[in-house]
Amino acid sequence: MRPARFHSWNVTPQEASAIQSTLSDKVETCPLPGKIQLVAGADVSFDTGSNMVYAAVTVLRFPELTLVERRSAAETITFPYIPGLLAFREGPPILHAFQQLHNIPDVFMFDGHGLAHPRRFGLASHLGVLFDLPSIGVAKRVLVGSFDQMKKEQGNYSSLIEKGEEVGLALQTKDNVNPVYVSIGHKSDLPTSREFVLACTAQYRVPEPTRQAHLAVNALRTGAEIDLDVGGDQTTLFE
């Protein structure tokens, strides 16, 4: 699959900020598609002390949450670590993994933020806009904003507020665990994203698409083997 939009990744931090500002106007807010058959999860992992970054993308059948396809990429990144501009370190290998996909997902789910970002344009929005497909950010930590405490019961949620604006949700995916932080990426909204994240959650706090991507990318980085648990008669690809 090919991106709908392109820009250079070989840029300065100032140019990167300008790209974010320009592309943030392209973000669309609307309900997720009524019929979702495939969902992709994406995650990255870094080698400590080096500029090598690894990315993995998993495609799962929905609602069964069975694995259809895995793709990966590994490359050296020279863009510096700057909070708010992490998409310029993590985005290129994820994009290259996406480009290898044989199955085009209906929704992208990222281990990261979308609108819950200082410039309202985190990784989930950035890649969602580049591919012009529905995307959701599901992060394990807060980047911006605060929320009211709630009972740790599955399905409970609280608005994530920054400067008086709702930028996402703290969502209890399981009982008695910390919430995840859901935000709009592109062509999504908070109500349908919340329900979809819950529908993609099995026995763990993190939804299966990004959890499977996390397992895959760490296996890639460490050279470990991973169980290729494929549902149905689809072929798993992990390259």
Protein backbone atom coordinates (compact mmCIF):
# COMPACT_ATOMS: atom_id res chain seq x y z
CA MET A 1 0.00 0.00 0.00
CA ARG A 2 1.19 3.50 -0.82
CA PRO A 3 0.80 6.75 1.09
CA ALA A 4 -1.65 9.31 -0.24
CA ARG A 5 0.70 12.15 0.76
CA PHE A 6 4.46 12.46 0.90
CA HIS A 7 7.03 14.69 2.55
CA SER A 8 10.76 14.49 3.19
CA TRP A 9 11.88 12.91 6.47
CA ASN A 10 15.39 14.32 6.06
CA VAL A 11 14.58 17.67 7.68
CA THR A 12 15.67 19.93 10.52
CA PRO A 13 13.64 20.18 13.72
CA GLN A 14 12.33 23.56 12.55
CA GLU A 15 11.23 22.08 9.23
CA ALA A 16 9.65 19.15 11.07
CA SER A 17 7.56 21.52 13.20
CA ALA A 18 6.44 23.34 10.06
CA ILE A 19 5.43 20.03 8.43
CA GLN A 20 3.36 19.14 11.49
CA SER A 21 1.64 22.53 11.44
CA THR A 22 0.81 22.20 7.75
CA LEU A 23 -0.43 18.61 7.90
CA SER A 24 -2.42 19.07 11.11
CA ASP A 25 -5.02 20.99 9.07
CA LYS A 26 -5.65 17.77 7.10
CA VAL A 27 -6.89 15.82 10.15
CA GLU A 28 -10.56 14.85 9.79
CA THR A 29 -12.82 14.00 12.72
CA CYS A 30 -15.66 11.59 11.96
CA PRO A 31 -16.95 8.21 13.15
CA LEU A 32 -14.97 5.11 12.28
CA PRO A 33 -16.30 3.04 9.36
CA GLY A 34 -19.46 1.12 10.13
CA LYS A 35 -17.96 -2.10 8.78
CA ILE A 36 -14.47 -3.01 9.94
CA GLN A 37 -12.92 -6.30 8.84
CA LEU A 38 -9.18 -5.67 9.27
CA VAL A 39 -7.33 -3.59 11.86
CA ALA A 40 -3.60 -2.89 11.87
CA GLY A 41 -1.45 -2.25 14.92
CA ALA A 42 1.93 -0.53 14.84
CA ASP A 43 4.76 -0.24 17.36
CA VAL A 44 8.47 0.61 17.40
CA SER A 45 11.47 -0.38 19.49
CA PHE A 46 14.91 1.23 19.78
CA ASP A 47 18.34 -0.22 20.40
CA THR A 48 19.69 1.42 23.54
CA GLY A 49 22.68 3.60 22.77
CA SER A 50 22.24 3.54 19.00
CA ASN A 51 20.10 5.16 16.31
CA MET A 52 18.72 1.84 15.08
CA VAL A 53 14.93 1.72 15.23
CA TYR A 54 12.70 -1.26 14.53
CA ALA A 55 9.04 -1.17 13.51
CA ALA A 56 6.41 -3.87 13.23
CA VAL A 57 2.89 -3.80 11.84
CA THR A 58 0.35 -6.54 12.50
CA VAL A 59 -2.95 -6.92 10.67
CA LEU A 60 -5.73 -8.68 12.57
CA ARG A 61 -9.13 -9.86 11.43
CA PHE A 62 -11.93 -8.10 13.32
CA PRO A 63 -13.83 -8.99 15.47
CA GLU A 64 -12.06 -12.35 15.85
CA LEU A 65 -8.68 -10.65 16.49
CA THR A 66 -6.84 -13.40 14.64
CA LEU A 67 -3.57 -12.63 12.92
CA VAL A 68 -3.58 -12.13 9.15
CA GLU A 69 -0.22 -10.51 8.37
CA ARG A 70 2.95 -9.12 9.93
CA ARG A 71 5.45 -6.78 8.35
CA SER A 72 8.53 -5.09 9.75
CA ALA A 73 11.34 -2.67 9.00
CA ALA A 74 14.63 -1.72 10.64
CA GLU A 75 16.72 1.31 9.83
CA THR A 76 19.09 3.91 11.20
CA ILE A 77 17.46 7.20 12.18
CA THR A 78 19.49 10.41 12.41
CA PHE A 79 16.71 12.77 13.53
CA PRO A 80 17.39 13.83 17.15
CA TYR A 81 15.21 12.88 20.10
CA ILE A 82 12.91 15.89 20.60
CA PRO A 83 9.65 15.55 22.54
CA GLY A 84 6.74 16.43 20.29
CA LEU A 85 8.69 15.47 17.16
CA LEU A 86 9.03 11.74 17.82
CA ALA A 87 7.10 10.95 14.63
CA PHE A 88 10.24 11.96 12.71
CA ARG A 89 12.15 9.15 14.44
CA GLU A 90 9.39 6.54 14.54
CA GLY A 91 7.45 7.40 11.40
CA PRO A 92 9.85 6.32 8.61
CA PRO A 93 10.25 2.65 9.62
CA ILE A 94 6.52 2.31 10.35
CA LEU A 95 5.73 3.83 6.95
CA HIS A 96 8.10 1.40 5.26
CA ALA A 97 6.51 -1.54 7.07
CA PHE A 98 3.06 -0.31 6.02
CA GLN A 99 4.19 -0.11 2.41
CA GLN A 100 4.87 -3.87 2.45
CA LEU A 101 1.33 -4.81 3.49
CA HIS A 102 -0.66 -7.10 1.21
CA ASN A 103 -3.86 -6.56 3.22
CA ILE A 104 -5.12 -2.99 3.48
CA PRO A 105 -6.61 -2.43 6.94
CA ASP A 106 -9.81 -0.53 7.56
CA VAL A 107 -8.36 1.09 10.70
CA PHE A 108 -4.81 1.78 11.93
CA MET A 109 -4.09 1.62 15.67
CA PHE A 110 -0.84 3.14 16.95
CA ASP A 111 1.02 2.73 20.23
CA GLY A 112 1.18 6.51 20.56
CA HIS A 113 -0.88 9.66 20.46
CA GLY A 114 -2.94 11.47 17.87
CA LEU A 115 -4.54 14.79 18.86
CA ALA A 116 -3.32 14.37 22.45
CA HIS A 117 -0.08 16.07 21.40
CA PRO A 118 1.37 19.58 21.95
CA ARG A 119 0.64 20.51 18.32
CA ARG A 120 -2.38 18.19 18.04
CA PHE A 121 -0.47 16.04 15.57
CA GLY A 122 1.10 12.97 17.11
CA LEU A 123 2.20 9.80 15.36
CA ALA A 124 -1.34 8.41 14.91
CA SER A 125 -2.44 11.61 13.18
CA HIS A 126 0.75 11.94 11.16
CA LEU A 127 0.65 8.46 9.62
CA GLY A 128 -3.14 8.52 9.38
CA VAL A 129 -3.00 11.69 7.29
CA LEU A 130 -0.15 10.41 5.11
CA PHE A 131 -2.10 7.24 4.25
CA ASP A 132 -5.47 9.03 4.46
CA LEU A 133 -7.02 6.14 6.39
CA PRO A 134 -8.82 5.98 9.75
CA SER A 135 -6.38 5.90 12.64
CA ILE A 136 -6.45 5.89 16.45
CA GLY A 137 -3.78 6.63 19.02
CA VAL A 138 -3.71 4.26 22.01
CA ALA A 139 -0.88 5.24 24.35
CA LYS A 140 0.24 3.80 27.69
CA ARG A 141 1.29 7.18 29.10
CA VAL A 142 -0.06 10.73 29.08
CA LEU A 143 1.80 13.22 26.89
CA VAL A 144 -0.40 16.27 27.43
CA GLY A 145 -3.52 16.94 29.47
CA SER A 146 -5.05 15.65 32.69
CA PHE A 147 -8.13 13.65 33.60
CA ASP A 148 -10.37 13.00 36.58
CA GLN A 149 -9.74 9.83 38.52
CA MET A 150 -12.31 7.07 38.02
CA LYS A 151 -13.08 3.62 39.32
CA LYS A 152 -10.83 1.02 37.76
CA GLU A 153 -13.67 -0.88 36.13
CA GLN A 154 -13.64 -1.97 32.49
CA GLY A 155 -15.40 0.50 30.22
CA ASN A 156 -15.04 3.53 32.49
CA TYR A 157 -13.47 6.57 30.89
CA SER A 158 -12.58 10.18 31.65
CA SER A 159 -11.89 13.05 29.27
CA LEU A 160 -8.25 14.03 28.80
CA ILE A 161 -8.24 17.83 28.95
CA GLU A 162 -5.49 20.26 27.97
CA LYS A 163 -6.01 24.03 28.02
CA GLY A 164 -9.77 23.55 28.21
CA GLU A 165 -9.87 21.25 25.16
CA GLU A 166 -10.77 17.56 25.14
CA VAL A 167 -7.81 15.94 23.39
CA GLY A 168 -8.52 12.32 24.24
CA LEU A 169 -9.79 9.84 26.82
CA ALA A 170 -8.36 7.85 29.69
CA LEU A 171 -10.02 4.46 29.16
CA GLN A 172 -10.23 1.45 31.46
CA THR A 173 -9.81 -1.53 29.18
CA LYS A 174 -9.69 -3.98 32.10
CA ASP A 175 -10.61 -3.98 35.79
CA ASN A 176 -7.97 -2.95 38.31
CA VAL A 177 -5.28 -1.83 35.84
CA ASN A 178 -4.05 1.56 34.70
CA PRO A 179 -6.01 3.13 31.83
CA VAL A 180 -4.82 3.56 28.27
CA TYR A 181 -5.04 6.96 26.58
CA VAL A 182 -7.11 7.09 23.43
CA SER A 183 -7.03 9.97 20.97
CA ILE A 184 -8.23 10.74 17.47
CA GLY A 185 -5.65 10.11 14.78
CA HIS A 186 -7.45 10.77 11.50
CA LYS A 187 -10.94 10.00 10.21
CA SER A 188 -12.04 8.87 13.66
CA ASP A 189 -13.81 10.29 16.69
CA LEU A 190 -13.65 9.59 20.41
CA PRO A 191 -16.98 7.73 20.88
CA THR A 192 -16.39 5.19 18.11
CA SER A 193 -12.67 4.94 18.92
CA ARG A 194 -13.47 4.18 22.55
CA GLU A 195 -15.88 1.40 21.62
CA PHE A 196 -13.50 -0.01 19.03
CA VAL A 197 -10.52 -0.07 21.41
CA LEU A 198 -12.65 -1.96 23.95
CA ALA A 199 -13.75 -4.40 21.24
CA CYS A 200 -10.08 -4.99 20.35
CA THR A 201 -9.09 -5.72 23.94
CA ALA A 202 -8.84 -9.36 24.99
CA GLN A 203 -7.18 -10.50 28.22
CA TYR A 204 -4.59 -7.72 28.46
CA ARG A 205 -4.71 -4.00 29.20
CA VAL A 206 -3.34 -3.11 25.76
CA PRO A 207 -5.58 -3.82 22.72
CA GLU A 208 -4.52 -6.80 20.63
CA PRO A 209 -3.43 -4.96 17.45
CA THR A 210 -0.76 -2.91 19.24
CA ARG A 211 0.06 -5.70 21.70
CA GLN A 212 0.79 -8.07 18.82
CA ALA A 213 2.89 -5.36 17.14
CA HIS A 214 4.79 -4.86 20.39
CA LEU A 215 5.59 -8.57 20.63
CA ALA A 216 6.65 -8.67 16.99
CA VAL A 217 8.92 -5.65 17.13
CA ASN A 218 10.69 -6.80 20.28
CA ALA A 219 11.23 -10.22 18.70
CA LEU A 220 12.69 -8.50 15.65
CA ARG A 221 15.01 -6.34 17.75
CA THR A 222 16.29 -9.21 19.92
CA GLY A 223 16.29 -11.90 17.25
CA ALA A 224 13.88 -14.03 19.26
CA GLU A 225 11.39 -16.35 17.65
CA ILE A 226 7.70 -15.49 17.86
CA ASP A 227 4.70 -17.79 17.67
CA LEU A 228 2.99 -17.21 14.33
CA ASP A 229 -0.58 -17.78 15.51
CA VAL A 230 -2.54 -17.24 12.31
CA GLY A 231 -6.30 -17.46 12.13
CA GLY A 232 -8.17 -18.97 9.21
CA ASP A 233 -6.41 -19.72 5.93
CA GLN A 234 -4.58 -16.43 5.57
CA THR A 235 -0.81 -16.34 5.11
CA THR A 236 1.35 -14.62 7.70
CA LEU A 237 4.16 -12.51 6.34
CA PHE A 238 6.97 -11.35 8.62
CA GLU A 239 9.84 -9.74 6.79
